[in-house]
Amino acid sequence: MNADWTSEPLRDYLLRLGSAAPTPGGGSAAALAGALAAALGRMVVSVAQEKSPHPDHARLLAAFSSQRDGFLRLAADDERAFDAVMAALRLAKDDTARPAALEAALVGAADVPLRAAASCLSLLETLREAEPHASRAIVSDIGAAAHLALACLSSSLLNVRVNERSIKDGALQSRLASQAEKLRAAGEEAHRALTARVAERLAPRP
């Protein structure tokens, strides 16, 4: 595992992703989709700022930069979380510390993609704010970013589910499932509204 994902060349990451190594996996790849979405949003605002500076641009650029870097950190966090689960599973089955270690690792492995999904929801809101600043020539990039953000959110929630179902604490299971459902519903609605707006702007003019 590469502990500092932010400094790894993309090609090297993709080679690791496509190998039989236990990490990176789907959670890390989902976070990368979020980082790509944030970078696309930042590109749209950068172009808008060059053409016609607006007081909102600096705030939006900073928000997208922070979100992009946050997703890269989440990609690395996901790898560490999965490694912790594997380490717990490798403990001897008669080790009295094994159940607690595994439960803690599973909780951590569910928490990372849950945070990623919440970050996607915030990103979709930032993209919504950026959309009016996109010219018709590049508003499609806002739509592409929205699709990537939803892919990140949906994929992250799959990883919440796969870890949540193995957690023994029933109350925690229910809480995770409830949080995941709220994020799914809010994310799909935000995505629907934003992509509808993009489609409207790209529709043939009368």
N, C-alpha and C. Protein backbone atom coordinates (compact mmCIF):
# COMPACT_ATOMS: atom_id res chain seq x y z
N MET A 1 0.83 -1.19 0.00
CA MET A 1 0.00 0.00 0.00
C MET A 1 0.86 1.25 0.00
N ASN A 2 0.46 2.26 -0.73
CA ASN A 2 1.14 3.55 -0.71
C ASN A 2 0.42 4.45 0.29
N ALA A 3 1.08 4.77 1.41
CA ALA A 3 0.42 5.54 2.47
C ALA A 3 0.14 6.98 2.05
N ASP A 4 0.93 7.50 1.11
CA ASP A 4 0.72 8.87 0.66
C ASP A 4 0.23 8.86 -0.78
N TRP A 5 -1.08 8.67 -0.94
CA TRP A 5 -1.67 8.57 -2.27
C TRP A 5 -1.45 9.84 -3.07
N THR A 6 -1.37 10.99 -2.39
CA THR A 6 -1.30 12.27 -3.08
C THR A 6 -0.01 12.42 -3.89
N SER A 7 1.00 11.60 -3.61
CA SER A 7 2.27 11.75 -4.34
C SER A 7 2.52 10.62 -5.32
N GLU A 8 1.59 9.70 -5.45
CA GLU A 8 1.79 8.55 -6.35
C GLU A 8 1.37 8.89 -7.77
N PRO A 9 2.22 8.60 -8.76
CA PRO A 9 1.80 8.82 -10.15
C PRO A 9 0.55 8.02 -10.48
N LEU A 10 -0.32 8.61 -11.28
CA LEU A 10 -1.59 7.97 -11.59
C LEU A 10 -1.38 6.60 -12.24
N ARG A 11 -0.42 6.50 -13.15
CA ARG A 11 -0.21 5.22 -13.82
C ARG A 11 0.16 4.13 -12.82
N ASP A 12 1.01 4.48 -11.84
CA ASP A 12 1.41 3.49 -10.83
C ASP A 12 0.19 3.05 -10.01
N TYR A 13 -0.66 4.01 -9.69
CA TYR A 13 -1.88 3.67 -8.95
C TYR A 13 -2.75 2.71 -9.75
N LEU A 14 -2.93 3.00 -11.03
CA LEU A 14 -3.77 2.16 -11.87
C LEU A 14 -3.18 0.76 -12.03
N LEU A 15 -1.87 0.67 -12.06
CA LEU A 15 -1.23 -0.65 -12.12
C LEU A 15 -1.50 -1.43 -10.84
N ARG A 16 -1.44 -0.76 -9.70
CA ARG A 16 -1.76 -1.42 -8.43
C ARG A 16 -3.22 -1.83 -8.40
N LEU A 17 -4.08 -0.93 -8.87
CA LEU A 17 -5.52 -1.20 -8.85
C LEU A 17 -5.86 -2.43 -9.70
N GLY A 18 -5.15 -2.59 -10.80
CA GLY A 18 -5.44 -3.70 -11.70
C GLY A 18 -4.70 -4.98 -11.37
N SER A 19 -3.97 -5.00 -10.26
CA SER A 19 -3.22 -6.19 -9.87
C SER A 19 -4.02 -7.03 -8.89
N ALA A 20 -3.44 -8.13 -8.48
CA ALA A 20 -4.10 -9.01 -7.50
C ALA A 20 -3.85 -8.57 -6.07
N ALA A 21 -3.16 -7.45 -5.89
CA ALA A 21 -2.89 -6.94 -4.54
C ALA A 21 -4.20 -6.60 -3.83
N PRO A 22 -4.26 -6.78 -2.52
CA PRO A 22 -5.51 -6.51 -1.80
C PRO A 22 -5.95 -5.05 -1.83
N THR A 23 -5.00 -4.15 -1.94
CA THR A 23 -5.33 -2.73 -2.06
C THR A 23 -4.48 -2.13 -3.18
N PRO A 24 -5.02 -1.11 -3.87
CA PRO A 24 -6.31 -0.44 -3.68
C PRO A 24 -7.46 -1.26 -4.25
N GLY A 25 -8.68 -0.85 -3.86
CA GLY A 25 -9.87 -1.53 -4.37
C GLY A 25 -10.96 -0.53 -4.71
N GLY A 26 -12.20 -0.99 -4.63
CA GLY A 26 -13.32 -0.17 -5.06
C GLY A 26 -13.50 1.12 -4.28
N GLY A 27 -13.23 1.08 -2.98
CA GLY A 27 -13.39 2.29 -2.19
C GLY A 27 -12.42 3.37 -2.59
N SER A 28 -11.19 2.98 -2.81
CA SER A 28 -10.17 3.92 -3.25
C SER A 28 -10.49 4.46 -4.64
N ALA A 29 -10.91 3.58 -5.54
CA ALA A 29 -11.27 4.01 -6.90
C ALA A 29 -12.45 4.97 -6.87
N ALA A 30 -13.40 4.72 -5.97
CA ALA A 30 -14.55 5.62 -5.84
C ALA A 30 -14.08 7.01 -5.43
N ALA A 31 -13.17 7.07 -4.47
CA ALA A 31 -12.66 8.36 -4.02
C ALA A 31 -11.92 9.08 -5.14
N LEU A 32 -11.22 8.32 -5.98
CA LEU A 32 -10.55 8.93 -7.12
C LEU A 32 -11.56 9.59 -8.06
N ALA A 33 -12.71 8.95 -8.26
CA ALA A 33 -13.75 9.55 -9.09
C ALA A 33 -14.20 10.88 -8.49
N GLY A 34 -14.30 10.95 -7.17
CA GLY A 34 -14.64 12.20 -6.52
C GLY A 34 -13.59 13.27 -6.76
N ALA A 35 -12.32 12.87 -6.67
CA ALA A 35 -11.24 13.83 -6.92
C ALA A 35 -11.28 14.35 -8.35
N LEU A 36 -11.57 13.47 -9.30
CA LEU A 36 -11.68 13.90 -10.70
C LEU A 36 -12.84 14.87 -10.88
N ALA A 37 -13.95 14.60 -10.20
CA ALA A 37 -15.11 15.49 -10.29
C ALA A 37 -14.77 16.87 -9.75
N ALA A 38 -14.08 16.92 -8.61
CA ALA A 38 -13.70 18.21 -8.02
C ALA A 38 -12.73 18.96 -8.93
N ALA A 39 -11.80 18.23 -9.54
CA ALA A 39 -10.84 18.87 -10.43
C ALA A 39 -11.54 19.44 -11.67
N LEU A 40 -12.53 18.71 -12.19
CA LEU A 40 -13.29 19.21 -13.33
C LEU A 40 -14.05 20.49 -12.97
N GLY A 41 -14.67 20.48 -11.79
CA GLY A 41 -15.37 21.68 -11.34
C GLY A 41 -14.42 22.85 -11.22
N ARG A 42 -13.24 22.61 -10.71
CA ARG A 42 -12.26 23.68 -10.57
C ARG A 42 -11.83 24.20 -11.94
N MET A 43 -11.69 23.30 -12.89
CA MET A 43 -11.32 23.72 -14.24
C MET A 43 -12.36 24.67 -14.82
N VAL A 44 -13.64 24.36 -14.64
CA VAL A 44 -14.71 25.21 -15.17
C VAL A 44 -14.63 26.61 -14.57
N VAL A 45 -14.41 26.68 -13.26
CA VAL A 45 -14.34 27.99 -12.61
C VAL A 45 -13.06 28.72 -13.02
N SER A 46 -11.97 28.00 -13.21
CA SER A 46 -10.72 28.64 -13.65
C SER A 46 -10.90 29.31 -15.00
N VAL A 47 -11.59 28.61 -15.91
CA VAL A 47 -11.85 29.19 -17.24
C VAL A 47 -12.75 30.41 -17.11
N ALA A 48 -13.76 30.31 -16.28
CA ALA A 48 -14.66 31.44 -16.08
C ALA A 48 -13.93 32.64 -15.50
N GLN A 49 -13.03 32.38 -14.58
CA GLN A 49 -12.29 33.47 -13.95
C GLN A 49 -11.39 34.18 -14.96
N GLU A 50 -10.78 33.43 -15.86
CA GLU A 50 -9.93 34.05 -16.88
C GLU A 50 -10.74 34.94 -17.82
N LYS A 51 -11.96 34.50 -18.14
CA LYS A 51 -12.77 35.25 -19.10
C LYS A 51 -13.48 36.43 -18.48
N SER A 52 -14.00 36.23 -17.27
CA SER A 52 -14.78 37.29 -16.64
C SER A 52 -14.77 37.10 -15.13
N PRO A 53 -13.77 37.66 -14.45
CA PRO A 53 -13.64 37.46 -12.99
C PRO A 53 -14.91 37.85 -12.24
N HIS A 54 -15.20 37.04 -11.21
CA HIS A 54 -16.39 37.26 -10.39
C HIS A 54 -15.99 37.07 -8.93
N PRO A 55 -16.62 37.81 -8.01
CA PRO A 55 -16.27 37.68 -6.60
C PRO A 55 -16.39 36.26 -6.04
N ASP A 56 -17.25 35.44 -6.62
CA ASP A 56 -17.44 34.07 -6.13
C ASP A 56 -16.33 33.11 -6.56
N HIS A 57 -15.56 33.49 -7.55
CA HIS A 57 -14.61 32.55 -8.12
C HIS A 57 -13.56 32.07 -7.13
N ALA A 58 -12.98 32.98 -6.37
CA ALA A 58 -11.92 32.59 -5.44
C ALA A 58 -12.45 31.57 -4.43
N ARG A 59 -13.65 31.78 -3.93
CA ARG A 59 -14.24 30.85 -2.96
C ARG A 59 -14.49 29.48 -3.60
N LEU A 60 -15.01 29.48 -4.81
CA LEU A 60 -15.29 28.21 -5.48
C LEU A 60 -14.00 27.46 -5.80
N LEU A 61 -12.99 28.18 -6.24
CA LEU A 61 -11.71 27.53 -6.55
C LEU A 61 -11.12 26.89 -5.29
N ALA A 62 -11.19 27.62 -4.19
CA ALA A 62 -10.67 27.08 -2.94
C ALA A 62 -11.47 25.86 -2.49
N ALA A 63 -12.79 25.92 -2.66
CA ALA A 63 -13.64 24.79 -2.26
C ALA A 63 -13.32 23.55 -3.09
N PHE A 64 -13.19 23.72 -4.39
CA PHE A 64 -12.89 22.57 -5.24
C PHE A 64 -11.50 22.00 -4.93
N SER A 65 -10.54 22.87 -4.67
CA SER A 65 -9.20 22.39 -4.32
C SER A 65 -9.22 21.56 -3.05
N SER A 66 -9.94 22.07 -2.05
CA SER A 66 -10.04 21.36 -0.78
C SER A 66 -10.75 20.02 -0.96
N GLN A 67 -11.82 20.00 -1.76
CA GLN A 67 -12.54 18.76 -1.99
C GLN A 67 -11.69 17.75 -2.76
N ARG A 68 -10.99 18.23 -3.77
CA ARG A 68 -10.10 17.33 -4.53
C ARG A 68 -9.08 16.68 -3.61
N ASP A 69 -8.42 17.47 -2.79
CA ASP A 69 -7.40 16.92 -1.90
C ASP A 69 -8.02 16.02 -0.83
N GLY A 70 -9.22 16.36 -0.40
CA GLY A 70 -9.91 15.52 0.57
C GLY A 70 -10.20 14.13 0.01
N PHE A 71 -10.60 14.07 -1.25
CA PHE A 71 -10.88 12.76 -1.86
C PHE A 71 -9.60 11.94 -2.02
N LEU A 72 -8.49 12.61 -2.32
CA LEU A 72 -7.23 11.87 -2.41
C LEU A 72 -6.84 11.29 -1.06
N ARG A 73 -7.08 12.06 0.00
CA ARG A 73 -6.80 11.53 1.34
C ARG A 73 -7.72 10.35 1.65
N LEU A 74 -8.98 10.46 1.24
CA LEU A 74 -9.92 9.36 1.47
C LEU A 74 -9.51 8.09 0.72
N ALA A 75 -8.93 8.26 -0.47
CA ALA A 75 -8.45 7.10 -1.22
C ALA A 75 -7.39 6.36 -0.42
N ALA A 76 -6.46 7.11 0.19
CA ALA A 76 -5.42 6.50 1.01
C ALA A 76 -6.02 5.93 2.29
N ASP A 77 -6.97 6.66 2.89
CA ASP A 77 -7.62 6.18 4.11
C ASP A 77 -8.32 4.85 3.86
N ASP A 78 -8.94 4.71 2.69
CA ASP A 78 -9.64 3.47 2.38
C ASP A 78 -8.68 2.29 2.33
N GLU A 79 -7.52 2.51 1.75
CA GLU A 79 -6.53 1.44 1.70
C GLU A 79 -6.08 1.05 3.10
N ARG A 80 -5.84 2.05 3.95
CA ARG A 80 -5.42 1.76 5.31
C ARG A 80 -6.51 1.02 6.08
N ALA A 81 -7.76 1.43 5.87
CA ALA A 81 -8.87 0.79 6.57
C ALA A 81 -9.00 -0.67 6.17
N PHE A 82 -8.85 -0.96 4.88
CA PHE A 82 -8.96 -2.35 4.43
C PHE A 82 -7.80 -3.17 4.98
N ASP A 83 -6.60 -2.58 5.00
CA ASP A 83 -5.45 -3.29 5.56
C ASP A 83 -5.68 -3.64 7.03
N ALA A 84 -6.36 -2.75 7.75
CA ALA A 84 -6.65 -3.01 9.17
C ALA A 84 -7.60 -4.19 9.31
N VAL A 85 -8.59 -4.28 8.42
CA VAL A 85 -9.51 -5.43 8.44
C VAL A 85 -8.74 -6.72 8.17
N MET A 86 -7.87 -6.70 7.18
CA MET A 86 -7.11 -7.90 6.86
C MET A 86 -6.20 -8.31 8.00
N ALA A 87 -5.61 -7.30 8.68
CA ALA A 87 -4.74 -7.61 9.81
C ALA A 87 -5.53 -8.27 10.94
N ALA A 88 -6.76 -7.79 11.17
CA ALA A 88 -7.60 -8.38 12.21
C ALA A 88 -8.00 -9.81 11.84
N LEU A 89 -8.29 -10.03 10.58
CA LEU A 89 -8.68 -11.37 10.13
C LEU A 89 -7.52 -12.36 10.24
N ARG A 90 -6.31 -11.86 10.17
CA ARG A 90 -5.14 -12.75 10.27
C ARG A 90 -4.84 -13.18 11.70
N LEU A 91 -5.47 -12.52 12.68
CA LEU A 91 -5.26 -12.94 14.06
C LEU A 91 -5.79 -14.35 14.26
N ALA A 92 -5.16 -15.10 15.13
CA ALA A 92 -5.60 -16.47 15.41
C ALA A 92 -7.05 -16.47 15.89
N LYS A 93 -7.83 -17.43 15.43
CA LYS A 93 -9.25 -17.46 15.78
C LYS A 93 -9.49 -17.67 17.27
N ASP A 94 -8.50 -18.20 17.97
CA ASP A 94 -8.65 -18.37 19.41
C ASP A 94 -8.06 -17.20 20.20
N ASP A 95 -7.61 -16.18 19.49
CA ASP A 95 -7.08 -14.97 20.15
C ASP A 95 -8.27 -14.18 20.69
N THR A 96 -8.28 -13.97 22.01
CA THR A 96 -9.42 -13.28 22.63
C THR A 96 -9.55 -11.83 22.15
N ALA A 97 -8.48 -11.28 21.62
CA ALA A 97 -8.53 -9.89 21.15
C ALA A 97 -9.10 -9.79 19.73
N ARG A 98 -9.25 -10.95 19.07
CA ARG A 98 -9.65 -10.91 17.66
C ARG A 98 -11.04 -10.30 17.43
N PRO A 99 -12.09 -10.70 18.16
CA PRO A 99 -13.42 -10.14 17.88
C PRO A 99 -13.47 -8.62 17.99
N ALA A 100 -12.89 -8.07 19.03
CA ALA A 100 -12.91 -6.62 19.21
C ALA A 100 -12.08 -5.92 18.14
N ALA A 101 -10.94 -6.52 17.80
CA ALA A 101 -10.08 -5.92 16.77
C ALA A 101 -10.78 -5.91 15.42
N LEU A 102 -11.48 -7.01 15.11
CA LEU A 102 -12.18 -7.10 13.83
C LEU A 102 -13.36 -6.13 13.79
N GLU A 103 -14.09 -6.04 14.89
CA GLU A 103 -15.23 -5.12 14.93
C GLU A 103 -14.75 -3.67 14.74
N ALA A 104 -13.68 -3.30 15.41
CA ALA A 104 -13.16 -1.93 15.28
C ALA A 104 -12.68 -1.67 13.86
N ALA A 105 -12.05 -2.66 13.25
CA ALA A 105 -11.55 -2.49 11.88
C ALA A 105 -12.71 -2.36 10.90
N LEU A 106 -13.76 -3.14 11.10
CA LEU A 106 -14.92 -3.06 10.21
C LEU A 106 -15.64 -1.72 10.34
N VAL A 107 -15.72 -1.22 11.57
CA VAL A 107 -16.32 0.10 11.78
C VAL A 107 -15.51 1.16 11.04
N GLY A 108 -14.19 1.07 11.14
CA GLY A 108 -13.34 2.02 10.43
C GLY A 108 -13.47 1.90 8.92
N ALA A 109 -13.62 0.67 8.44
CA ALA A 109 -13.75 0.44 7.00
C ALA A 109 -15.09 0.91 6.47
N ALA A 110 -16.11 0.97 7.32
CA ALA A 110 -17.40 1.51 6.90
C ALA A 110 -17.41 3.03 7.00
N ASP A 111 -16.66 3.56 7.95
CA ASP A 111 -16.64 5.01 8.17
C ASP A 111 -16.01 5.76 7.01
N VAL A 112 -14.94 5.22 6.45
CA VAL A 112 -14.25 5.93 5.36
C VAL A 112 -15.16 6.16 4.15
N PRO A 113 -15.80 5.12 3.60
CA PRO A 113 -16.68 5.37 2.46
C PRO A 113 -17.92 6.20 2.83
N LEU A 114 -18.35 6.13 4.09
CA LEU A 114 -19.47 6.97 4.51
C LEU A 114 -19.04 8.44 4.44
N ARG A 115 -17.81 8.73 4.87
CA ARG A 115 -17.29 10.09 4.76
C ARG A 115 -17.13 10.50 3.30
N ALA A 116 -16.72 9.55 2.47
CA ALA A 116 -16.58 9.85 1.05
C ALA A 116 -17.93 10.20 0.43
N ALA A 117 -18.96 9.46 0.80
CA ALA A 117 -20.30 9.74 0.26
C ALA A 117 -20.79 11.11 0.71
N ALA A 118 -20.55 11.46 1.98
CA ALA A 118 -20.92 12.78 2.47
C ALA A 118 -20.15 13.87 1.73
N SER A 119 -18.89 13.60 1.43
CA SER A 119 -18.08 14.57 0.68
C SER A 119 -18.62 14.75 -0.73
N CYS A 120 -19.14 13.66 -1.32
CA CYS A 120 -19.74 13.76 -2.65
C CYS A 120 -20.97 14.67 -2.64
N LEU A 121 -21.75 14.58 -1.59
CA LEU A 121 -22.93 15.43 -1.48
C LEU A 121 -22.51 16.90 -1.41
N SER A 122 -21.47 17.19 -0.64
CA SER A 122 -20.95 18.56 -0.57
C SER A 122 -20.41 19.00 -1.93
N LEU A 123 -19.74 18.09 -2.62
CA LEU A 123 -19.20 18.41 -3.94
C LEU A 123 -20.32 18.73 -4.92
N LEU A 124 -21.39 17.97 -4.90
CA LEU A 124 -22.51 18.24 -5.80
C LEU A 124 -23.09 19.63 -5.53
N GLU A 125 -23.11 20.05 -4.29
CA GLU A 125 -23.58 21.39 -3.96
C GLU A 125 -22.64 22.44 -4.53
N THR A 126 -21.33 22.22 -4.42
CA THR A 126 -20.37 23.17 -4.98
C THR A 126 -20.49 23.22 -6.49
N LEU A 127 -20.71 22.08 -7.12
CA LEU A 127 -20.92 22.06 -8.57
C LEU A 127 -22.18 22.82 -8.96
N ARG A 128 -23.21 22.71 -8.13
CA ARG A 128 -24.44 23.47 -8.39
C ARG A 128 -24.17 24.97 -8.34
N GLU A 129 -23.36 25.39 -7.39
CA GLU A 129 -23.01 26.81 -7.29
C GLU A 129 -22.15 27.26 -8.46
N ALA A 130 -21.32 26.35 -8.97
CA ALA A 130 -20.41 26.71 -10.06
C ALA A 130 -21.11 26.74 -11.41
N GLU A 131 -22.17 25.98 -11.55
CA GLU A 131 -22.82 25.84 -12.87
C GLU A 131 -23.16 27.16 -13.54
N PRO A 132 -23.72 28.16 -12.85
CA PRO A 132 -24.05 29.41 -13.54
C PRO A 132 -22.82 30.14 -14.10
N HIS A 133 -21.65 29.80 -13.57
CA HIS A 133 -20.42 30.45 -14.04
C HIS A 133 -19.83 29.76 -15.27
N ALA A 134 -20.36 28.61 -15.62
CA ALA A 134 -19.84 27.88 -16.78
C ALA A 134 -20.47 28.40 -18.05
N SER A 135 -19.65 28.65 -19.04
CA SER A 135 -20.19 29.03 -20.33
C SER A 135 -20.89 27.83 -20.96
N ARG A 136 -21.71 28.09 -21.94
CA ARG A 136 -22.42 26.99 -22.61
C ARG A 136 -21.42 26.02 -23.25
N ALA A 137 -20.25 26.54 -23.62
CA ALA A 137 -19.25 25.69 -24.29
C ALA A 137 -18.67 24.64 -23.35
N ILE A 138 -18.65 24.92 -22.05
CA ILE A 138 -18.03 23.96 -21.12
C ILE A 138 -18.97 23.54 -19.99
N VAL A 139 -20.25 23.89 -20.08
CA VAL A 139 -21.16 23.46 -19.03
C VAL A 139 -21.30 21.93 -19.01
N SER A 140 -20.96 21.29 -20.13
CA SER A 140 -21.00 19.82 -20.15
C SER A 140 -20.01 19.24 -19.14
N ASP A 141 -18.94 19.98 -18.83
CA ASP A 141 -17.97 19.50 -17.85
C ASP A 141 -18.56 19.50 -16.44
N ILE A 142 -19.49 20.41 -16.19
CA ILE A 142 -20.21 20.37 -14.92
C ILE A 142 -21.05 19.08 -14.87
N GLY A 143 -21.70 18.75 -15.99
CA GLY A 143 -22.47 17.52 -16.05
C GLY A 143 -21.59 16.29 -15.86
N ALA A 144 -20.43 16.28 -16.51
CA ALA A 144 -19.50 15.15 -16.35
C ALA A 144 -19.05 15.03 -14.90
N ALA A 145 -18.75 16.17 -14.27
CA ALA A 145 -18.35 16.16 -12.87
C ALA A 145 -19.47 15.64 -11.98
N ALA A 146 -20.70 16.02 -12.30
CA ALA A 146 -21.85 15.54 -11.52
C ALA A 146 -21.98 14.02 -11.63
N HIS A 147 -21.80 13.49 -12.82
CA HIS A 147 -21.88 12.03 -13.00
C HIS A 147 -20.77 11.32 -12.22
N LEU A 148 -19.57 11.87 -12.25
CA LEU A 148 -18.46 11.28 -11.50
C LEU A 148 -18.73 11.35 -10.00
N ALA A 149 -19.28 12.47 -9.55
CA ALA A 149 -19.59 12.61 -8.12
C ALA A 149 -20.63 11.59 -7.69
N LEU A 150 -21.65 11.38 -8.52
CA LEU A 150 -22.67 10.38 -8.17
C LEU A 150 -22.07 8.98 -8.19
N ALA A 151 -21.18 8.71 -9.14
CA ALA A 151 -20.52 7.40 -9.18
C ALA A 151 -19.71 7.18 -7.90
N CYS A 152 -19.04 8.22 -7.46
CA CYS A 152 -18.28 8.13 -6.21
C CYS A 152 -19.21 7.85 -5.05
N LEU A 153 -20.32 8.58 -4.98
CA LEU A 153 -21.26 8.40 -3.87
C LEU A 153 -21.86 7.00 -3.87
N SER A 154 -22.36 6.57 -5.02
CA SER A 154 -23.00 5.26 -5.11
C SER A 154 -22.02 4.13 -4.81
N SER A 155 -20.82 4.24 -5.35
CA SER A 155 -19.80 3.21 -5.12
C SER A 155 -19.36 3.19 -3.67
N SER A 156 -19.24 4.37 -3.07
CA SER A 156 -18.85 4.44 -1.66
C SER A 156 -19.88 3.77 -0.78
N LEU A 157 -21.16 3.99 -1.09
CA LEU A 157 -22.21 3.38 -0.28
C LEU A 157 -22.22 1.86 -0.39
N LEU A 158 -21.80 1.33 -1.53
CA LEU A 158 -21.64 -0.12 -1.63
C LEU A 158 -20.61 -0.62 -0.63
N ASN A 159 -19.55 0.17 -0.46
CA ASN A 159 -18.50 -0.23 0.48
C ASN A 159 -18.92 -0.04 1.93
N VAL A 160 -19.80 0.92 2.18
CA VAL A 160 -20.39 1.01 3.52
C VAL A 160 -21.16 -0.28 3.80
N ARG A 161 -21.97 -0.68 2.83
CA ARG A 161 -22.82 -1.85 3.01
C ARG A 161 -22.01 -3.13 3.23
N VAL A 162 -20.96 -3.32 2.46
CA VAL A 162 -20.22 -4.58 2.54
C VAL A 162 -19.53 -4.71 3.89
N ASN A 163 -19.17 -3.60 4.51
CA ASN A 163 -18.55 -3.65 5.84
C ASN A 163 -19.60 -3.64 6.95
N GLU A 164 -20.63 -2.85 6.76
CA GLU A 164 -21.70 -2.74 7.77
C GLU A 164 -22.36 -4.09 8.06
N ARG A 165 -22.54 -4.90 7.03
CA ARG A 165 -23.26 -6.17 7.23
C ARG A 165 -22.48 -7.16 8.09
N SER A 166 -21.16 -6.94 8.25
CA SER A 166 -20.35 -7.84 9.07
C SER A 166 -20.16 -7.32 10.49
N ILE A 167 -20.62 -6.10 10.77
CA ILE A 167 -20.50 -5.53 12.11
C ILE A 167 -21.50 -6.23 13.04
N LYS A 168 -21.08 -6.54 14.22
CA LYS A 168 -21.93 -7.28 15.16
C LYS A 168 -22.90 -6.37 15.91
N ASP A 169 -22.53 -5.12 16.11
CA ASP A 169 -23.36 -4.18 16.86
C ASP A 169 -24.59 -3.81 16.02
N GLY A 170 -25.75 -4.35 16.41
CA GLY A 170 -26.96 -4.13 15.61
C GLY A 170 -27.38 -2.68 15.55
N ALA A 171 -27.23 -1.95 16.65
CA ALA A 171 -27.61 -0.53 16.66
C ALA A 171 -26.74 0.26 15.71
N LEU A 172 -25.45 -0.06 15.71
CA LEU A 172 -24.54 0.63 14.80
C LEU A 172 -24.84 0.27 13.36
N GLN A 173 -25.15 -0.98 13.10
CA GLN A 173 -25.55 -1.40 11.75
C GLN A 173 -26.73 -0.56 11.26
N SER A 174 -27.73 -0.42 12.09
CA SER A 174 -28.93 0.34 11.71
C SER A 174 -28.60 1.80 11.47
N ARG A 175 -27.74 2.36 12.31
CA ARG A 175 -27.38 3.77 12.15
C ARG A 175 -26.62 3.99 10.85
N LEU A 176 -25.70 3.10 10.54
CA LEU A 176 -24.94 3.21 9.29
C LEU A 176 -25.87 3.09 8.08
N ALA A 177 -26.78 2.13 8.14
CA ALA A 177 -27.72 1.93 7.03
C ALA A 177 -28.60 3.15 6.84
N SER A 178 -29.04 3.75 7.93
CA SER A 178 -29.89 4.95 7.85
C SER A 178 -29.12 6.12 7.26
N GLN A 179 -27.90 6.32 7.72
CA GLN A 179 -27.08 7.41 7.19
C GLN A 179 -26.81 7.21 5.70
N ALA A 180 -26.53 5.97 5.33
CA ALA A 180 -26.25 5.67 3.92
C ALA A 180 -27.46 5.96 3.05
N GLU A 181 -28.65 5.58 3.52
CA GLU A 181 -29.86 5.81 2.74
C GLU A 181 -30.13 7.30 2.57
N LYS A 182 -29.93 8.07 3.60
CA LYS A 182 -30.14 9.52 3.51
C LYS A 182 -29.17 10.14 2.50
N LEU A 183 -27.93 9.70 2.54
CA LEU A 183 -26.94 10.23 1.59
C LEU A 183 -27.29 9.82 0.17
N ARG A 184 -27.74 8.57 0.00
CA ARG A 184 -28.12 8.11 -1.34
C ARG A 184 -29.25 8.97 -1.90
N ALA A 185 -30.29 9.15 -1.12
CA ALA A 185 -31.45 9.91 -1.59
C ALA A 185 -31.09 11.36 -1.89
N ALA A 186 -30.33 11.98 -0.98
CA ALA A 186 -29.95 13.38 -1.19
C ALA A 186 -29.02 13.52 -2.38
N GLY A 187 -28.09 12.58 -2.54
CA GLY A 187 -27.15 12.64 -3.65
C GLY A 187 -27.84 12.46 -4.99
N GLU A 188 -28.76 11.51 -5.06
CA GLU A 188 -29.47 11.28 -6.32
C GLU A 188 -30.33 12.48 -6.70
N GLU A 189 -30.94 13.12 -5.72
CA GLU A 189 -31.75 14.30 -6.01
C GLU A 189 -30.88 15.47 -6.45
N ALA A 190 -29.75 15.68 -5.79
CA ALA A 190 -28.84 16.75 -6.17
C ALA A 190 -28.30 16.52 -7.58
N HIS A 191 -27.96 15.28 -7.88
CA HIS A 191 -27.46 14.92 -9.20
C HIS A 191 -28.54 15.15 -10.26
N ARG A 192 -29.77 14.72 -9.95
CA ARG A 192 -30.86 14.88 -10.91
C ARG A 192 -31.10 16.36 -11.23
N ALA A 193 -31.14 17.19 -10.20
CA ALA A 193 -31.39 18.62 -10.42
C ALA A 193 -30.27 19.28 -11.22
N LEU A 194 -29.04 18.92 -10.90
CA LEU A 194 -27.91 19.55 -11.58
C LEU A 194 -27.81 19.10 -13.03
N THR A 195 -27.95 17.81 -13.30
CA THR A 195 -27.84 17.34 -14.68
C THR A 195 -29.03 17.80 -15.52
N ALA A 196 -30.18 18.00 -14.88
CA ALA A 196 -31.33 18.55 -15.62
C ALA A 196 -31.02 19.98 -16.06
N ARG A 197 -30.38 20.72 -15.19
CA ARG A 197 -30.01 22.10 -15.53
C ARG A 197 -28.99 22.12 -16.67
N VAL A 198 -28.03 21.23 -16.61
CA VAL A 198 -27.02 21.15 -17.68
C VAL A 198 -27.70 20.77 -19.00
N ALA A 199 -28.58 19.79 -18.97
CA ALA A 199 -29.29 19.36 -20.18
C ALA A 199 -30.12 20.50 -20.76
N GLU A 200 -30.73 21.27 -19.89
CA GLU A 200 -31.53 22.41 -20.34
C GLU A 200 -30.66 23.44 -21.07
N ARG A 201 -29.47 23.68 -20.54
CA ARG A 201 -28.57 24.65 -21.17
C ARG A 201 -27.98 24.13 -22.48
N LEU A 202 -27.89 22.82 -22.60
CA LEU A 202 -27.33 22.23 -23.82
C LEU A 202 -28.38 21.93 -24.88
N ALA A 203 -29.63 22.10 -24.54
CA ALA A 203 -30.71 21.83 -25.50
C ALA A 203 -30.61 22.77 -26.70
N PRO A 204 -30.99 22.29 -27.88
CA PRO A 204 -30.94 23.13 -29.09
C PRO A 204 -31.75 24.43 -28.87
N ARG A 205 -31.17 25.51 -29.33
CA ARG A 205 -31.87 26.80 -29.19
C ARG A 205 -32.93 26.93 -30.28
N PRO A 206 -34.06 27.51 -29.93
CA PRO A 206 -35.14 27.68 -30.93
C PRO A 206 -34.73 28.66 -32.03
